[in-house]
Amino acid sequence: MSLQPKKATAKRAMKTSGLKVGVTIFLRDGTQSLWENGIFQNAGFLIMLLNESKIFDRAFLVNGGVGMPVNSKEFLANSPAPVISMDEAANELDVIIELSAQLNPDWARDFKSRGGTVIGMRVASDFVLDAERMAYDLDPAMLISKVPYDEIWTLPAFAKTCASYYEFGFQAPVRVMQHLWSPILVDRSAKEFGKPFTYRPGAKRWRLAILEPNLCTVKTSHLPMLLCDVAHRLNPKIIDHMYVFNAMALKDHHAFVDFARSLDLVKQGIGTFEARLPVFQIMTELAEAIVSHHWENGQNYLYYEALHGGFPLIHNSAFLDTCGYRYDDYDPEHGALALLRAKAEHDLNLESYRAEARNFLKKLDPINPVNVLDFENVILRAMGRT
C-alpha cells in the first residue's frame, strides 16, 4: 500500500499538537490486493491527507480484521502509516475514523469514555446495499450498529440516498466530505506492470471495456451493454470488441444469458464476458475506451483513473464537471450517441481532454491544501475544539 506523496511539504515540521488519529483497515487471512475493491485505496488516500495535517502528530492504520500484519507484508509494503491493533489504538489515539473495518460498539463506547472521538466514514451506497441484503436474505454487512459516533462522513454521491439513513439510524450528525483520490497508485501499478497508463490515439476501431462490479444494483453492466449495442447498430465500423469484465458469475444466470444473447455484439462474437482484472492491465493491453453506468453512485475511482490516463470515458455521472462524454441516466440511445461522438472527437481533442481532466482531478488530491484544511476543521469541530 505505497501511498507516499511525490514530495514532502513544510507542514510536517509544524506539528506540535501531539494528537494522534487512526483509520481502520480490515486485514484478513490470505492474499489481499489494493485492486480488489476501493476501500483500501480510500483508507490510503485519507492517511495521505492526515499525514499532511498540522494538527496531528501521527496517523495510523488500525487493524480491525482477523489477519495479522506480519502475514500481509506484501500488501502493506510502503504503507503510508504504521499498522496498530485495536488494543493499541484504544490507548494511543485521540480520534479514530471507522472506514475499512467496523468498530465494535463496546470498544467505541470505552474509547469515548476516555475522551476519544469516533467518526464513521461511509464511501458506499450503504442504504441500497443493506436494503438488498434484507430483501434477499443475504448476510448483513454494515447495517445499523450501536457505535456511538460523534459524526458520520459521506460523499456527495451518497448524500441523496444515504444521508438520512445514517442520521436517523446512527443518531449522529452527517457531514458531506470531499472525495479524495491520487494517481499515485495506478501510475505505480502500471509502471510495475511495465506499460504506461496512457491513452494511445490512432485506433481505427475501439475495444470497449465495461468494468462495473455487478455486485449490486448501483453499478451493473446492463445499460453499458445496451449502449454499446445501439452504437454498433448505428455504426458497425467503430467497435472492434466489447469486453464485459466482472461478469463470470452472471454467465450462469439464465436471465442474463438471454439478455446478452439478444445483443448484436454478442451474436456476432465481438462481445465477450471476462473475469476481474486490474484497470491498469485492461487499459494498457485490452481496451481504448471505458463505457460506464451508475445509479446514485457517481463518484468512482474508475472514472478518475480513466480521466487521468486520457482514456475516453462514456458515463452518466454528474460529479465529473464537464469531463468525459456524459449521457442521460438510463438512456442507451443517448449513451450510444455519446460513444459515437467520443469516437469522432477524442483523438482530435486529446490535449484539451487531458487538460480538463487535470484541472478536475486537482480538486481530489489528498495533499491539496484546501482539502487538508477542510478535513482539519471538520475533525476539530467533531472533537469540540472549535
Protein backbone atom coordinates (compact mmCIF):
# COMPACT_ATOMS: atom_id res chain seq x y z
CA MET A 1 0.00 0.00 0.00
CA SER A 2 2.51 2.54 -1.16
CA LEU A 3 0.96 5.98 -0.90
CA GLN A 4 3.79 8.37 -0.28
CA PRO A 5 3.28 11.79 -1.91
CA LYS A 6 5.80 12.85 -4.52
CA LYS A 7 7.35 15.44 -2.25
CA ALA A 8 7.08 16.35 1.38
CA THR A 9 5.64 19.65 2.48
CA ALA A 10 6.74 22.08 5.15
CA LYS A 11 3.65 21.33 7.21
CA ARG A 12 5.15 18.28 8.87
CA ALA A 13 7.66 20.40 10.76
CA MET A 14 4.80 22.48 12.19
CA LYS A 15 3.08 19.61 14.04
CA THR A 16 3.10 20.39 17.73
CA SER A 17 -0.34 19.29 18.90
CA GLY A 18 0.57 15.74 19.90
CA LEU A 19 -2.82 14.50 18.66
CA LYS A 20 -2.98 11.04 17.10
CA VAL A 21 -5.51 9.72 14.60
CA GLY A 22 -6.24 6.26 13.23
CA VAL A 23 -8.13 4.91 10.22
CA THR A 24 -9.49 1.37 10.40
CA ILE A 25 -8.45 -1.25 7.89
CA PHE A 26 -9.62 -4.86 7.64
CA LEU A 27 -6.77 -7.32 7.27
CA ARG A 28 -7.88 -10.89 6.63
CA ASP A 29 -6.03 -14.16 6.27
CA GLY A 30 -4.84 -14.88 2.74
CA THR A 31 -3.77 -12.67 -0.13
CA GLN A 32 -5.18 -9.15 -0.38
CA SER A 33 -4.88 -6.61 -3.15
CA LEU A 34 -5.40 -2.87 -3.35
CA TRP A 35 -7.38 -3.51 -6.52
CA GLU A 36 -9.96 -5.96 -5.14
CA ASN A 37 -12.15 -3.08 -4.00
CA GLY A 38 -11.89 0.64 -3.41
CA ILE A 39 -11.98 0.65 0.38
CA PHE A 40 -8.24 0.09 0.86
CA GLN A 41 -7.49 2.95 -1.51
CA ASN A 42 -9.94 5.15 0.42
CA ALA A 43 -8.03 4.42 3.60
CA GLY A 44 -4.69 5.13 1.96
CA PHE A 45 -5.77 8.44 0.46
CA LEU A 46 -7.24 9.57 3.79
CA ILE A 47 -3.98 8.70 5.54
CA MET A 48 -2.09 10.71 2.90
CA LEU A 49 -4.19 13.73 3.83
CA LEU A 50 -3.82 13.19 7.57
CA ASN A 51 -0.05 12.90 7.18
CA GLU A 52 -0.09 16.41 5.70
CA SER A 53 -2.18 17.85 8.52
CA LYS A 54 -0.50 20.14 11.04
CA ILE A 55 -2.94 19.23 13.82
CA PHE A 56 -1.91 15.56 14.11
CA ASP A 57 1.41 14.36 15.36
CA ARG A 58 0.93 10.85 13.95
CA ALA A 59 -1.54 8.90 11.84
CA PHE A 60 -2.04 5.13 12.00
CA LEU A 61 -3.83 2.35 10.19
CA VAL A 62 -5.82 0.37 12.76
CA ASN A 63 -6.30 -3.32 12.03
CA GLY A 64 -9.85 -4.35 12.84
CA GLY A 65 -9.69 -7.63 10.93
CA VAL A 66 -8.70 -11.17 11.79
CA GLY A 67 -5.47 -11.15 9.79
CA MET A 68 -2.06 -10.27 11.17
CA PRO A 69 0.15 -7.51 9.69
CA VAL A 70 3.11 -9.87 9.73
CA ASN A 71 1.25 -12.06 7.23
CA SER A 72 0.38 -9.07 4.99
CA LYS A 73 3.87 -7.73 4.35
CA GLU A 74 3.44 -7.53 0.59
CA PHE A 75 0.04 -5.85 0.83
CA LEU A 76 1.33 -3.36 3.41
CA ALA A 77 4.64 -2.71 1.68
CA ASN A 78 5.49 1.01 1.89
CA SER A 79 2.36 1.63 3.93
CA PRO A 80 1.69 5.35 4.41
CA ALA A 81 1.31 4.77 8.16
CA PRO A 82 2.20 2.22 10.84
CA VAL A 83 -0.36 -0.53 11.49
CA ILE A 84 -1.53 -0.94 15.07
CA SER A 85 -4.05 -3.22 16.77
CA MET A 86 -7.39 -2.21 18.26
CA ASP A 87 -5.94 -2.61 21.75
CA GLU A 88 -3.06 -0.31 20.89
CA ALA A 89 -5.45 2.17 19.29
CA ALA A 90 -7.53 2.36 22.46
CA ASN A 91 -4.53 3.70 24.35
CA GLU A 92 -2.74 5.64 21.59
CA LEU A 93 -5.37 7.58 19.68
CA ASP A 94 -7.37 10.75 20.17
CA VAL A 95 -9.51 10.23 17.06
CA ILE A 96 -10.50 7.05 15.24
CA ILE A 97 -12.11 7.07 11.80
CA GLU A 98 -14.02 3.89 11.01
CA LEU A 99 -13.57 3.07 7.33
CA SER A 100 -12.47 -0.38 6.18
CA ALA A 101 -13.20 -2.31 9.39
CA GLN A 102 -16.29 -1.73 11.52
CA LEU A 103 -15.82 -0.86 15.15
CA ASN A 104 -17.13 -2.96 17.99
CA PRO A 105 -19.72 -0.81 19.81
CA ASP A 106 -18.31 -1.75 23.22
CA TRP A 107 -14.80 -0.76 22.11
CA ALA A 108 -16.12 2.56 20.77
CA ARG A 109 -18.03 3.36 23.97
CA ASP A 110 -14.94 2.67 26.06
CA PHE A 111 -12.82 4.79 23.71
CA LYS A 112 -15.25 7.69 24.03
CA SER A 113 -15.36 7.35 27.81
CA ARG A 114 -11.62 8.05 27.77
CA GLY A 115 -12.19 11.25 25.77
CA GLY A 116 -11.72 9.83 22.28
CA THR A 117 -13.63 10.98 19.19
CA VAL A 118 -15.31 8.43 16.89
CA ILE A 119 -16.04 9.27 13.25
CA GLY A 120 -17.66 6.92 10.75
CA MET A 121 -16.66 7.41 7.10
CA ARG A 122 -19.10 5.94 4.58
CA VAL A 123 -17.95 5.61 0.97
CA ALA A 124 -20.55 3.22 -0.49
CA SER A 125 -24.28 3.07 -1.23
CA ASP A 126 -24.99 1.58 2.18
CA PHE A 127 -28.76 2.11 2.14
CA VAL A 128 -29.08 0.19 -1.14
CA LEU A 129 -26.62 -2.50 -0.04
CA ASP A 130 -28.38 -3.01 3.27
CA ALA A 131 -31.85 -2.99 1.68
CA GLU A 132 -30.79 -5.62 -0.85
CA ARG A 133 -29.35 -7.83 1.88
CA MET A 134 -32.54 -7.59 3.89
CA ALA A 135 -34.78 -8.17 0.87
CA TYR A 136 -32.85 -11.17 -0.42
CA ASP A 137 -31.91 -12.71 2.95
CA LEU A 138 -28.19 -12.20 2.36
CA ASP A 139 -25.57 -11.98 5.08
CA PRO A 140 -25.58 -8.48 6.61
CA ALA A 141 -22.67 -6.14 6.08
CA MET A 142 -22.82 -2.70 7.66
CA LEU A 143 -26.48 -2.32 8.62
CA ILE A 144 -27.06 -0.12 11.67
CA SER A 145 -24.72 -0.73 14.58
CA LYS A 146 -24.76 0.76 18.07
CA VAL A 147 -21.42 2.54 17.70
CA PRO A 148 -21.70 5.98 19.38
CA TYR A 149 -20.38 8.11 16.54
CA ASP A 150 -19.61 11.75 17.08
CA GLU A 151 -20.12 12.30 13.35
CA ILE A 152 -20.73 10.39 10.13
CA TRP A 153 -18.97 11.37 6.92
CA THR A 154 -20.30 10.54 3.48
CA LEU A 155 -19.63 11.62 -0.10
CA PRO A 156 -21.68 13.95 -2.31
CA ALA A 157 -22.72 10.99 -4.47
CA PHE A 158 -24.46 9.35 -1.49
CA ALA A 159 -25.99 12.38 0.18
CA LYS A 160 -29.34 11.83 -1.54
CA THR A 161 -29.72 8.10 -0.88
CA CYS A 162 -27.86 7.60 2.39
CA ALA A 163 -27.56 10.77 4.49
CA SER A 164 -30.96 10.42 6.18
CA TYR A 165 -30.39 6.69 6.65
CA TYR A 166 -27.17 7.42 8.54
CA GLU A 167 -28.58 10.35 10.52
CA PHE A 168 -31.65 8.57 11.86
CA GLY A 169 -30.13 5.08 12.04
CA PHE A 170 -26.97 6.08 13.89
CA GLN A 171 -28.49 9.14 15.61
CA ALA A 172 -25.42 11.14 14.69
CA PRO A 173 -24.85 14.26 12.58
CA VAL A 174 -23.93 13.61 8.94
CA ARG A 175 -21.42 15.67 7.00
CA VAL A 176 -20.73 15.51 3.25
CA MET A 177 -17.00 15.47 2.58
CA GLN A 178 -14.76 15.86 -0.45
CA HIS A 179 -13.91 12.64 -2.28
CA LEU A 180 -10.15 12.01 -2.25
CA TRP A 181 -8.05 10.46 -4.99
CA SER A 182 -4.49 10.49 -6.27
CA PRO A 183 -2.96 8.87 -9.38
CA ILE A 184 -0.03 7.57 -7.32
CA LEU A 185 -1.39 4.02 -7.11
CA VAL A 186 -2.47 3.47 -10.68
CA ASP A 187 0.73 5.05 -12.02
CA ARG A 188 2.92 2.90 -9.79
CA SER A 189 0.99 -0.28 -10.59
CA ALA A 190 1.16 0.40 -14.33
CA LYS A 191 4.91 1.05 -14.06
CA GLU A 192 5.39 -2.25 -12.23
CA PHE A 193 3.26 -3.90 -14.91
CA GLY A 194 5.66 -2.50 -17.49
CA LYS A 195 3.35 -0.31 -19.55
CA PRO A 196 2.45 3.39 -19.27
CA PHE A 197 -1.11 4.10 -18.20
CA THR A 198 -1.97 6.44 -21.05
CA TYR A 199 -4.33 6.55 -23.99
CA ARG A 200 -2.75 5.92 -27.38
CA PRO A 201 -4.61 7.60 -30.27
CA GLY A 202 -4.98 6.23 -33.76
CA ALA A 203 -7.09 3.06 -33.41
CA LYS A 204 -9.50 2.74 -36.34
CA ARG A 205 -11.90 0.74 -34.19
CA TRP A 206 -12.17 0.85 -30.41
CA ARG A 207 -12.07 -2.01 -27.98
CA LEU A 208 -14.54 -1.12 -25.24
CA ALA A 209 -14.23 -2.06 -21.57
CA ILE A 210 -17.22 -2.32 -19.21
CA LEU A 211 -15.91 -2.63 -15.67
CA GLU A 212 -18.97 -2.40 -13.43
CA PRO A 213 -18.60 -4.81 -10.46
CA ASN A 214 -22.05 -6.41 -10.94
CA LEU A 215 -22.39 -6.95 -7.20
CA CYS A 216 -25.21 -4.51 -6.50
CA THR A 217 -27.88 -2.66 -8.48
CA VAL A 218 -26.00 0.64 -8.31
CA LYS A 219 -23.25 -0.47 -10.74
CA THR A 220 -24.05 -3.17 -13.29
CA SER A 221 -23.12 -3.84 -16.90
CA HIS A 222 -26.64 -3.96 -18.35
CA LEU A 223 -27.01 -0.35 -19.51
CA PRO A 224 -23.45 -0.10 -20.91
CA MET A 225 -24.05 -3.29 -22.91
CA LEU A 226 -27.24 -1.86 -24.38
CA LEU A 227 -25.50 1.43 -25.10
CA CYS A 228 -22.66 -0.28 -26.96
CA ASP A 229 -25.09 -2.40 -28.94
CA VAL A 230 -27.13 0.61 -30.03
CA ALA A 231 -23.92 2.35 -31.14
CA HIS A 232 -22.91 -0.77 -33.07
CA ARG A 233 -26.25 -0.84 -34.87
CA LEU A 234 -25.91 2.84 -35.76
CA ASN A 235 -22.33 2.45 -36.98
CA PRO A 236 -20.90 -1.10 -37.18
CA LYS A 237 -17.45 0.23 -38.12
CA ILE A 238 -16.33 1.75 -34.80
CA ILE A 239 -16.35 -1.18 -32.31
CA ASP A 240 -13.67 -3.83 -32.54
CA HIS A 241 -14.69 -5.63 -29.35
CA MET A 242 -16.81 -5.19 -26.22
CA TYR A 243 -15.30 -6.72 -23.06
CA VAL A 244 -17.65 -7.09 -20.09
CA PHE A 245 -15.45 -7.62 -17.03
CA ASN A 246 -16.50 -8.85 -13.58
CA ALA A 247 -19.11 -10.98 -15.32
CA MET A 248 -18.17 -14.58 -14.64
CA ALA A 249 -20.96 -15.11 -12.08
CA LEU A 250 -23.52 -13.61 -14.48
CA LYS A 251 -22.65 -16.12 -17.19
CA ASP A 252 -24.50 -18.78 -15.21
CA HIS A 253 -27.66 -16.70 -14.75
CA HIS A 254 -30.25 -17.70 -17.35
CA ALA A 255 -31.97 -14.29 -17.46
CA PHE A 256 -28.66 -12.52 -18.05
CA VAL A 257 -27.69 -15.07 -20.69
CA ASP A 258 -30.96 -14.43 -22.54
CA PHE A 259 -30.38 -10.68 -22.27
CA ALA A 260 -26.83 -10.94 -23.58
CA ARG A 261 -27.78 -13.17 -26.47
CA SER A 262 -30.28 -10.57 -27.66
CA LEU A 263 -27.43 -8.15 -28.47
CA ASP A 264 -25.93 -7.96 -31.95
CA LEU A 265 -22.45 -7.58 -30.48
CA VAL A 266 -22.78 -10.93 -28.72
CA LYS A 267 -24.45 -12.65 -31.67
CA GLN A 268 -21.57 -11.56 -33.88
CA GLY A 269 -18.93 -12.76 -31.45
CA ILE A 270 -17.43 -9.38 -30.64
CA GLY A 271 -18.98 -9.09 -27.19
CA THR A 272 -17.42 -11.36 -24.54
CA PHE A 273 -17.58 -11.78 -20.76
CA GLU A 274 -14.46 -11.80 -18.65
CA ALA A 275 -13.16 -12.19 -15.11
CA ARG A 276 -11.92 -9.36 -12.90
CA LEU A 277 -8.66 -7.71 -13.96
CA PRO A 278 -6.99 -4.53 -12.68
CA VAL A 279 -7.77 -1.41 -14.66
CA PHE A 280 -4.10 -0.74 -15.46
CA GLN A 281 -3.87 -4.11 -17.23
CA ILE A 282 -7.15 -3.71 -19.09
CA MET A 283 -6.43 -0.21 -20.38
CA THR A 284 -2.83 -0.89 -21.38
CA GLU A 285 -3.47 -4.21 -23.12
CA LEU A 286 -7.11 -4.76 -23.99
CA ALA A 287 -9.13 -1.57 -24.50
CA GLU A 288 -9.12 2.01 -25.70
CA ALA A 289 -12.30 3.31 -24.03
CA ILE A 290 -14.46 2.74 -20.94
CA VAL A 291 -18.25 2.65 -21.03
CA SER A 292 -19.86 3.01 -17.63
CA HIS A 293 -23.17 3.47 -15.83
CA HIS A 294 -24.24 4.06 -12.25
CA TRP A 295 -27.36 4.60 -10.22
CA GLU A 296 -26.78 7.20 -7.46
CA ASN A 297 -23.11 6.21 -7.35
CA GLY A 298 -21.44 8.87 -9.45
CA GLN A 299 -18.06 9.15 -7.71
CA ASN A 300 -15.84 6.22 -8.60
CA TYR A 301 -12.09 5.73 -8.74
CA LEU A 302 -12.60 4.08 -12.13
CA TYR A 303 -13.75 7.42 -13.55
CA TYR A 304 -10.76 9.27 -12.11
CA GLU A 305 -8.33 6.63 -13.39
CA ALA A 306 -9.80 6.84 -16.88
CA LEU A 307 -9.59 10.63 -16.94
CA HIS A 308 -6.05 10.61 -15.58
CA GLY A 309 -4.93 8.27 -18.36
CA GLY A 310 -6.67 10.32 -21.05
CA PHE A 311 -8.96 7.41 -21.91
CA PRO A 312 -12.38 8.14 -23.40
CA LEU A 313 -14.93 7.79 -20.58
CA ILE A 314 -18.55 7.41 -21.61
CA HIS A 315 -20.53 7.92 -18.41
CA ASN A 316 -23.66 9.31 -16.75
CA SER A 317 -22.09 10.93 -13.68
CA ALA A 318 -22.98 14.46 -12.61
CA PHE A 319 -19.85 14.66 -10.43
CA LEU A 320 -17.14 14.99 -13.08
CA ASP A 321 -17.70 18.62 -14.08
CA THR A 322 -17.55 18.59 -17.89
CA CYS A 323 -15.02 15.75 -18.17
CA GLY A 324 -15.62 12.71 -20.34
CA TYR A 325 -18.63 12.08 -22.57
CA ARG A 326 -21.77 12.23 -20.50
CA TYR A 327 -25.18 10.81 -21.37
CA ASP A 328 -28.56 10.88 -19.64
CA ASP A 329 -29.37 8.33 -16.94
CA TYR A 330 -30.85 5.05 -18.19
CA ASP A 331 -30.86 6.23 -21.82
CA PRO A 332 -28.92 3.80 -24.04
CA GLU A 333 -29.76 5.76 -27.19
CA HIS A 334 -28.30 8.96 -25.77
CA GLY A 335 -25.36 6.94 -24.49
CA ALA A 336 -24.78 5.47 -27.93
CA LEU A 337 -24.62 8.98 -29.38
CA ALA A 338 -22.11 9.94 -26.67
CA LEU A 339 -19.97 6.95 -27.66
CA LEU A 340 -20.14 7.85 -31.34
CA ARG A 341 -19.22 11.45 -30.52
CA ALA A 342 -16.29 10.26 -28.42
CA LYS A 343 -15.01 8.12 -31.29
CA ALA A 344 -15.28 11.03 -33.73
CA GLU A 345 -13.75 13.71 -31.49
CA HIS A 346 -11.45 12.19 -28.90
CA ASP A 347 -8.21 11.94 -30.87
CA LEU A 348 -8.74 15.42 -32.30
CA ASN A 349 -9.29 17.00 -28.88
CA LEU A 350 -6.99 14.82 -26.80
CA GLU A 351 -4.84 17.61 -25.34
CA SER A 352 -7.83 19.66 -24.19
CA TYR A 353 -9.42 16.49 -22.79
CA ARG A 354 -6.28 15.82 -20.74
CA ALA A 355 -6.05 19.44 -19.54
CA GLU A 356 -9.68 19.48 -18.44
CA ALA A 357 -9.16 16.21 -16.58
CA ARG A 358 -6.04 17.52 -14.80
CA ASN A 359 -7.89 20.60 -13.57
CA PHE A 360 -10.72 18.48 -12.23
CA LEU A 361 -8.52 15.87 -10.56
CA LYS A 362 -6.54 18.52 -8.67
CA LYS A 363 -9.68 19.09 -6.58
CA LEU A 364 -9.50 15.49 -5.33
CA ASP A 365 -5.81 15.46 -4.39
CA PRO A 366 -5.34 14.34 -0.75
CA ILE A 367 -2.43 16.74 -0.31
CA ASN A 368 -4.28 19.69 -1.84
CA PRO A 369 -4.06 22.33 0.95
CA VAL A 370 -7.76 23.14 0.50
CA ASN A 371 -8.72 19.55 1.27
CA VAL A 372 -6.28 19.26 4.18
CA LEU A 373 -7.64 22.42 5.81
CA ASP A 374 -11.25 21.35 5.29
CA PHE A 375 -10.71 17.96 6.93
CA GLU A 376 -8.75 19.56 9.79
CA ASN A 377 -11.59 21.96 10.56
CA VAL A 378 -14.20 19.23 10.43
CA ILE A 379 -12.22 16.95 12.77
CA LEU A 380 -11.60 19.76 15.24
CA ARG A 381 -15.32 20.53 15.31
CA ALA A 382 -16.13 16.87 15.91
CA MET A 383 -13.65 16.92 18.81
CA GLY A 384 -15.33 20.01 20.22
CA ARG A 385 -12.19 22.10 19.81
CA THR A 386 -13.68 24.96 17.77
